[in-house]
N, C-alpha and C. Protein backbone atom coordinates (compact mmCIF):
# COMPACT_ATOMS: atom_id res chain seq x y z
N MET A 1 -280.51 -18.29 -79.73
CA MET A 1 -279.10 -18.63 -79.82
C MET A 1 -278.85 -19.37 -81.13
N LYS A 2 -277.76 -18.98 -81.80
CA LYS A 2 -277.45 -19.61 -83.08
C LYS A 2 -276.88 -21.00 -82.89
N SER A 3 -277.26 -21.86 -83.81
CA SER A 3 -276.69 -23.20 -83.78
C SER A 3 -275.29 -23.14 -84.40
N LYS A 4 -274.54 -24.18 -84.17
CA LYS A 4 -273.18 -24.27 -84.73
C LYS A 4 -273.22 -24.21 -86.26
N LEU A 5 -274.24 -24.82 -86.86
CA LEU A 5 -274.37 -24.83 -88.31
C LEU A 5 -274.63 -23.43 -88.84
N ASP A 6 -275.55 -22.69 -88.20
CA ASP A 6 -275.83 -21.31 -88.61
C ASP A 6 -274.56 -20.45 -88.50
N GLU A 7 -273.85 -20.62 -87.40
CA GLU A 7 -272.62 -19.87 -87.19
C GLU A 7 -271.59 -20.20 -88.27
N TYR A 8 -271.45 -21.48 -88.60
CA TYR A 8 -270.52 -21.94 -89.63
C TYR A 8 -270.88 -21.34 -90.99
N ILE A 9 -272.16 -21.31 -91.31
CA ILE A 9 -272.63 -20.76 -92.59
C ILE A 9 -272.35 -19.25 -92.64
N GLN A 10 -272.63 -18.54 -91.54
CA GLN A 10 -272.37 -17.10 -91.49
C GLN A 10 -270.89 -16.78 -91.69
N HIS A 11 -270.03 -17.58 -91.08
CA HIS A 11 -268.58 -17.38 -91.24
C HIS A 11 -268.17 -17.65 -92.68
N GLY A 12 -268.78 -18.63 -93.30
CA GLY A 12 -268.46 -18.95 -94.68
C GLY A 12 -268.90 -17.86 -95.64
N VAL A 13 -270.05 -17.26 -95.39
CA VAL A 13 -270.60 -16.23 -96.27
C VAL A 13 -269.92 -14.88 -96.03
N HIS A 14 -269.78 -14.50 -94.75
CA HIS A 14 -269.30 -13.15 -94.42
C HIS A 14 -267.86 -13.11 -93.91
N GLY A 15 -267.25 -14.26 -93.74
CA GLY A 15 -265.90 -14.30 -93.19
C GLY A 15 -265.94 -14.32 -91.67
N THR A 16 -264.82 -14.65 -91.09
CA THR A 16 -264.72 -14.69 -89.64
C THR A 16 -264.81 -13.28 -89.09
N PRO A 17 -265.61 -13.06 -88.05
CA PRO A 17 -265.72 -11.71 -87.49
C PRO A 17 -264.37 -11.22 -86.95
N GLU A 18 -264.07 -9.96 -87.19
CA GLU A 18 -262.81 -9.38 -86.74
C GLU A 18 -263.01 -8.69 -85.40
N LEU A 19 -262.12 -8.95 -84.47
CA LEU A 19 -262.19 -8.34 -83.15
C LEU A 19 -261.70 -6.89 -83.20
N LYS A 20 -262.42 -6.01 -82.54
CA LYS A 20 -262.03 -4.61 -82.37
C LYS A 20 -261.56 -3.96 -83.68
N LYS A 21 -262.36 -4.08 -84.71
CA LYS A 21 -262.01 -3.57 -86.03
C LYS A 21 -261.72 -2.07 -86.03
N GLU A 22 -262.54 -1.29 -85.34
CA GLU A 22 -262.36 0.17 -85.30
C GLU A 22 -261.05 0.54 -84.60
N GLU A 23 -260.77 -0.15 -83.50
CA GLU A 23 -259.54 0.09 -82.75
C GLU A 23 -258.31 -0.22 -83.61
N LYS A 24 -258.36 -1.33 -84.32
CA LYS A 24 -257.23 -1.71 -85.17
C LYS A 24 -257.05 -0.74 -86.33
N ALA A 25 -258.13 -0.15 -86.80
CA ALA A 25 -258.03 0.84 -87.88
C ALA A 25 -257.29 2.09 -87.41
N ILE A 26 -257.49 2.47 -86.18
CA ILE A 26 -256.82 3.66 -85.62
C ILE A 26 -255.33 3.39 -85.43
N PHE A 27 -254.99 2.23 -84.90
CA PHE A 27 -253.60 1.92 -84.54
C PHE A 27 -252.86 1.11 -85.61
N LEU A 28 -253.16 1.36 -86.87
CA LEU A 28 -252.47 0.75 -88.01
C LEU A 28 -252.44 -0.78 -87.93
N GLY A 29 -253.58 -1.35 -87.56
CA GLY A 29 -253.72 -2.80 -87.56
C GLY A 29 -253.37 -3.48 -86.25
N GLU A 30 -253.06 -2.73 -85.22
CA GLU A 30 -252.70 -3.31 -83.92
C GLU A 30 -253.78 -3.03 -82.88
N PHE A 31 -253.86 -3.92 -81.89
CA PHE A 31 -254.73 -3.68 -80.75
C PHE A 31 -254.09 -2.64 -79.85
N LYS A 32 -254.91 -1.79 -79.25
CA LYS A 32 -254.41 -0.72 -78.38
C LYS A 32 -253.52 -1.27 -77.26
N GLU A 33 -253.83 -2.45 -76.76
CA GLU A 33 -253.08 -3.05 -75.66
C GLU A 33 -251.63 -3.36 -76.04
N ARG A 34 -251.37 -3.51 -77.33
CA ARG A 34 -250.02 -3.86 -77.80
C ARG A 34 -249.21 -2.65 -78.25
N VAL A 35 -249.82 -1.49 -78.24
CA VAL A 35 -249.15 -0.28 -78.73
C VAL A 35 -248.25 0.29 -77.64
N TYR A 36 -246.98 0.43 -77.96
CA TYR A 36 -245.99 0.98 -77.02
C TYR A 36 -245.94 2.50 -77.13
N SER A 37 -245.94 3.00 -78.38
CA SER A 37 -245.87 4.44 -78.61
C SER A 37 -246.33 4.75 -80.03
N VAL A 38 -246.78 5.99 -80.24
CA VAL A 38 -247.22 6.42 -81.58
C VAL A 38 -246.71 7.83 -81.85
N ILE A 39 -246.66 8.17 -83.12
CA ILE A 39 -246.38 9.54 -83.55
C ILE A 39 -247.35 9.87 -84.68
N THR A 40 -247.90 11.08 -84.65
CA THR A 40 -248.92 11.47 -85.63
C THR A 40 -248.28 11.93 -86.94
N LEU A 41 -249.12 12.07 -87.95
CA LEU A 41 -248.64 12.54 -89.25
C LEU A 41 -248.09 13.96 -89.16
N ASP A 42 -248.68 14.80 -88.30
CA ASP A 42 -248.18 16.16 -88.13
C ASP A 42 -246.83 16.17 -87.40
N ASP A 43 -246.73 15.37 -86.34
CA ASP A 43 -245.50 15.34 -85.53
C ASP A 43 -244.33 14.69 -86.25
N VAL A 44 -244.59 13.77 -87.15
CA VAL A 44 -243.50 13.05 -87.82
C VAL A 44 -242.70 13.98 -88.74
N LYS A 45 -243.25 15.11 -89.07
CA LYS A 45 -242.55 16.09 -89.91
C LYS A 45 -241.48 16.85 -89.12
N SER A 46 -241.58 16.85 -87.80
CA SER A 46 -240.64 17.54 -86.94
C SER A 46 -239.44 16.64 -86.63
N THR A 47 -238.25 17.09 -87.00
CA THR A 47 -237.03 16.32 -86.75
C THR A 47 -236.85 16.09 -85.25
N GLU A 48 -237.12 17.12 -84.46
CA GLU A 48 -236.95 17.02 -83.01
C GLU A 48 -237.87 15.95 -82.41
N LYS A 49 -239.12 15.93 -82.83
CA LYS A 49 -240.06 14.95 -82.30
C LYS A 49 -239.72 13.55 -82.78
N ARG A 50 -239.22 13.43 -84.02
CA ARG A 50 -238.80 12.12 -84.53
C ARG A 50 -237.62 11.58 -83.74
N GLU A 51 -236.69 12.46 -83.35
CA GLU A 51 -235.52 12.03 -82.57
C GLU A 51 -235.96 11.49 -81.21
N ILE A 52 -236.87 12.17 -80.55
CA ILE A 52 -237.39 11.71 -79.26
C ILE A 52 -238.09 10.37 -79.43
N PHE A 53 -238.93 10.28 -80.46
CA PHE A 53 -239.67 9.05 -80.74
C PHE A 53 -238.72 7.90 -81.06
N SER A 54 -237.65 8.20 -81.78
CA SER A 54 -236.71 7.16 -82.21
C SER A 54 -236.01 6.49 -81.03
N LYS A 55 -235.85 7.20 -79.93
CA LYS A 55 -235.23 6.61 -78.74
C LYS A 55 -236.09 5.48 -78.18
N GLU A 56 -237.39 5.58 -78.37
CA GLU A 56 -238.31 4.56 -77.87
C GLU A 56 -238.22 3.26 -78.67
N ILE A 57 -237.71 3.34 -79.88
CA ILE A 57 -237.56 2.14 -80.71
C ILE A 57 -236.61 1.15 -80.06
N LYS A 58 -235.66 1.64 -79.29
CA LYS A 58 -234.65 0.79 -78.66
C LYS A 58 -235.20 -0.07 -77.52
N ALA A 59 -236.40 0.22 -77.05
CA ALA A 59 -236.98 -0.52 -75.92
C ALA A 59 -237.12 -2.00 -76.28
N LYS A 60 -236.78 -2.86 -75.33
CA LYS A 60 -236.86 -4.31 -75.56
C LYS A 60 -238.28 -4.77 -75.86
N ALA A 61 -239.25 -4.11 -75.26
CA ALA A 61 -240.65 -4.51 -75.44
C ALA A 61 -241.13 -4.30 -76.88
N VAL A 62 -240.54 -3.34 -77.57
CA VAL A 62 -240.96 -3.03 -78.94
C VAL A 62 -240.52 -4.16 -79.87
N ASP A 63 -241.49 -4.69 -80.60
CA ASP A 63 -241.23 -5.82 -81.49
C ASP A 63 -241.30 -5.42 -82.97
N LYS A 64 -242.17 -4.44 -83.26
CA LYS A 64 -242.31 -4.06 -84.67
C LYS A 64 -242.62 -2.58 -84.83
N ILE A 65 -242.24 -2.09 -85.99
CA ILE A 65 -242.47 -0.70 -86.36
C ILE A 65 -243.43 -0.73 -87.54
N ILE A 66 -244.57 -0.05 -87.36
CA ILE A 66 -245.60 -0.03 -88.39
C ILE A 66 -245.71 1.41 -88.88
N VAL A 67 -245.55 1.60 -90.19
CA VAL A 67 -245.55 2.94 -90.77
C VAL A 67 -246.74 3.09 -91.71
N ASN A 68 -247.41 4.22 -91.58
CA ASN A 68 -248.54 4.56 -92.45
C ASN A 68 -247.98 4.91 -93.83
N GLU A 69 -248.65 4.46 -94.87
CA GLU A 69 -248.23 4.72 -96.24
C GLU A 69 -248.21 6.22 -96.58
N LYS A 70 -248.94 7.03 -95.81
CA LYS A 70 -249.01 8.47 -96.05
C LYS A 70 -247.69 9.19 -95.72
N VAL A 71 -246.81 8.54 -94.99
CA VAL A 71 -245.53 9.14 -94.58
C VAL A 71 -244.63 9.26 -95.82
N SER A 72 -243.87 10.33 -95.87
CA SER A 72 -242.98 10.56 -97.02
C SER A 72 -241.95 9.43 -97.16
N ASP A 73 -241.45 9.26 -98.37
CA ASP A 73 -240.47 8.20 -98.64
C ASP A 73 -239.22 8.34 -97.79
N ALA A 74 -238.75 9.56 -97.59
CA ALA A 74 -237.52 9.79 -96.81
C ALA A 74 -237.71 9.34 -95.36
N ILE A 75 -238.84 9.70 -94.77
CA ILE A 75 -239.11 9.32 -93.38
C ILE A 75 -239.36 7.82 -93.29
N ARG A 76 -240.05 7.29 -94.27
CA ARG A 76 -240.31 5.85 -94.32
C ARG A 76 -238.99 5.08 -94.33
N LEU A 77 -238.05 5.53 -95.17
CA LEU A 77 -236.74 4.89 -95.26
C LEU A 77 -236.00 4.98 -93.93
N GLU A 78 -236.12 6.12 -93.26
CA GLU A 78 -235.49 6.32 -91.95
C GLU A 78 -235.95 5.24 -90.96
N TYR A 79 -237.26 4.96 -90.94
CA TYR A 79 -237.78 3.95 -90.02
C TYR A 79 -237.47 2.53 -90.47
N MET A 80 -237.34 2.31 -91.76
CA MET A 80 -236.93 0.99 -92.26
C MET A 80 -235.51 0.68 -91.77
N ILE A 81 -234.64 1.68 -91.86
CA ILE A 81 -233.26 1.51 -91.43
C ILE A 81 -233.20 1.27 -89.92
N LYS A 82 -233.97 2.05 -89.15
CA LYS A 82 -234.00 1.88 -87.69
C LYS A 82 -234.51 0.49 -87.32
N ALA A 83 -235.50 -0.01 -88.05
CA ALA A 83 -236.03 -1.35 -87.78
C ALA A 83 -234.93 -2.39 -87.99
N LYS A 84 -234.18 -2.24 -89.05
CA LYS A 84 -233.10 -3.19 -89.34
C LYS A 84 -231.99 -3.08 -88.29
N GLU A 85 -231.61 -1.85 -87.94
CA GLU A 85 -230.54 -1.63 -86.95
C GLU A 85 -230.87 -2.25 -85.60
N HIS A 86 -232.13 -2.18 -85.19
CA HIS A 86 -232.54 -2.63 -83.87
C HIS A 86 -233.24 -3.99 -83.90
N ASP A 87 -233.16 -4.67 -85.04
CA ASP A 87 -233.73 -6.02 -85.20
C ASP A 87 -235.22 -6.06 -84.86
N LYS A 88 -235.97 -5.11 -85.43
CA LYS A 88 -237.42 -5.05 -85.25
C LYS A 88 -238.09 -5.36 -86.59
N ASP A 89 -239.28 -5.93 -86.53
CA ASP A 89 -240.05 -6.15 -87.76
C ASP A 89 -240.53 -4.80 -88.27
N PHE A 90 -240.67 -4.70 -89.59
CA PHE A 90 -241.15 -3.47 -90.22
C PHE A 90 -242.36 -3.82 -91.07
N LYS A 91 -243.38 -2.97 -90.97
CA LYS A 91 -244.59 -3.19 -91.77
C LYS A 91 -245.09 -1.85 -92.29
N LEU A 92 -245.45 -1.80 -93.57
CA LEU A 92 -246.02 -0.62 -94.18
C LEU A 92 -247.52 -0.87 -94.37
N ILE A 93 -248.34 0.07 -93.90
CA ILE A 93 -249.80 -0.11 -93.89
C ILE A 93 -250.48 1.07 -94.60
N ARG A 94 -251.49 0.76 -95.40
CA ARG A 94 -252.36 1.80 -95.96
C ARG A 94 -253.50 2.00 -94.98
N SER A 95 -253.62 3.24 -94.47
CA SER A 95 -254.62 3.51 -93.45
C SER A 95 -255.14 4.93 -93.55
N LYS A 96 -256.36 5.13 -93.10
CA LYS A 96 -256.95 6.48 -93.04
C LYS A 96 -256.63 7.15 -91.70
N SER A 97 -255.92 6.45 -90.85
CA SER A 97 -255.58 6.95 -89.52
C SER A 97 -254.68 8.19 -89.59
N ASP A 98 -254.72 9.01 -88.54
CA ASP A 98 -253.85 10.18 -88.44
C ASP A 98 -252.50 9.83 -87.83
N LEU A 99 -252.28 8.55 -87.54
CA LEU A 99 -251.00 8.13 -86.99
C LEU A 99 -250.02 7.82 -88.11
N ALA A 100 -248.78 8.25 -87.93
CA ALA A 100 -247.74 8.01 -88.93
C ALA A 100 -246.99 6.72 -88.65
N VAL A 101 -246.60 6.55 -87.38
CA VAL A 101 -245.81 5.38 -87.00
C VAL A 101 -246.32 4.85 -85.66
N VAL A 102 -246.40 3.52 -85.58
CA VAL A 102 -246.79 2.85 -84.35
C VAL A 102 -245.67 1.89 -83.97
N LEU A 103 -245.26 1.94 -82.71
CA LEU A 103 -244.33 0.96 -82.17
C LEU A 103 -245.18 -0.03 -81.39
N ALA A 104 -245.11 -1.31 -81.75
CA ALA A 104 -245.98 -2.31 -81.14
C ALA A 104 -245.19 -3.46 -80.54
N CYS A 105 -245.82 -4.13 -79.58
CA CYS A 105 -245.25 -5.27 -78.88
C CYS A 105 -245.98 -6.54 -79.31
N LYS A 106 -245.37 -7.69 -79.05
CA LYS A 106 -246.03 -8.96 -79.37
C LYS A 106 -247.23 -9.22 -78.48
N THR A 107 -247.12 -8.78 -77.23
CA THR A 107 -248.18 -9.02 -76.26
C THR A 107 -248.64 -7.70 -75.66
N ALA A 108 -249.71 -7.75 -74.92
CA ALA A 108 -250.24 -6.55 -74.27
C ALA A 108 -249.23 -6.01 -73.26
N ILE A 109 -249.19 -4.68 -73.14
CA ILE A 109 -248.27 -4.07 -72.17
C ILE A 109 -249.05 -3.33 -71.10
C-alpha cells in the first residue's frame, strides 16, 4: 500500500488521476451517467434527425449542450442559438469521438 507521501509525489509528477477517462472521451468530456441524449456525426447531417433531437434540448434536466468541433459551422451555430434560447450552457470540444452533440445534465440521471 502506498504511503500518503508516495501518493502525493505521484500526483505531483503525473497529475491527479482522471476518473473514467475512456468514457469521458466518448461522451465529449461527460460521464455516461450525466448524458441525456446524443446525436452522431452521421445523423447530425439529417435535418429530420436534428429536429427530433432539438426537441430534447427543451427538457428541464438538460443543463448543457456540448458540440464536437468536427460539426460544420452552420450546424454548430444552430446549436449555439438553441443553447442561448433555452438558457443552456454551450461548450465546443475537440474530440475523436463519433458523437456530434451531447446533451448533458449537472447530475446523474
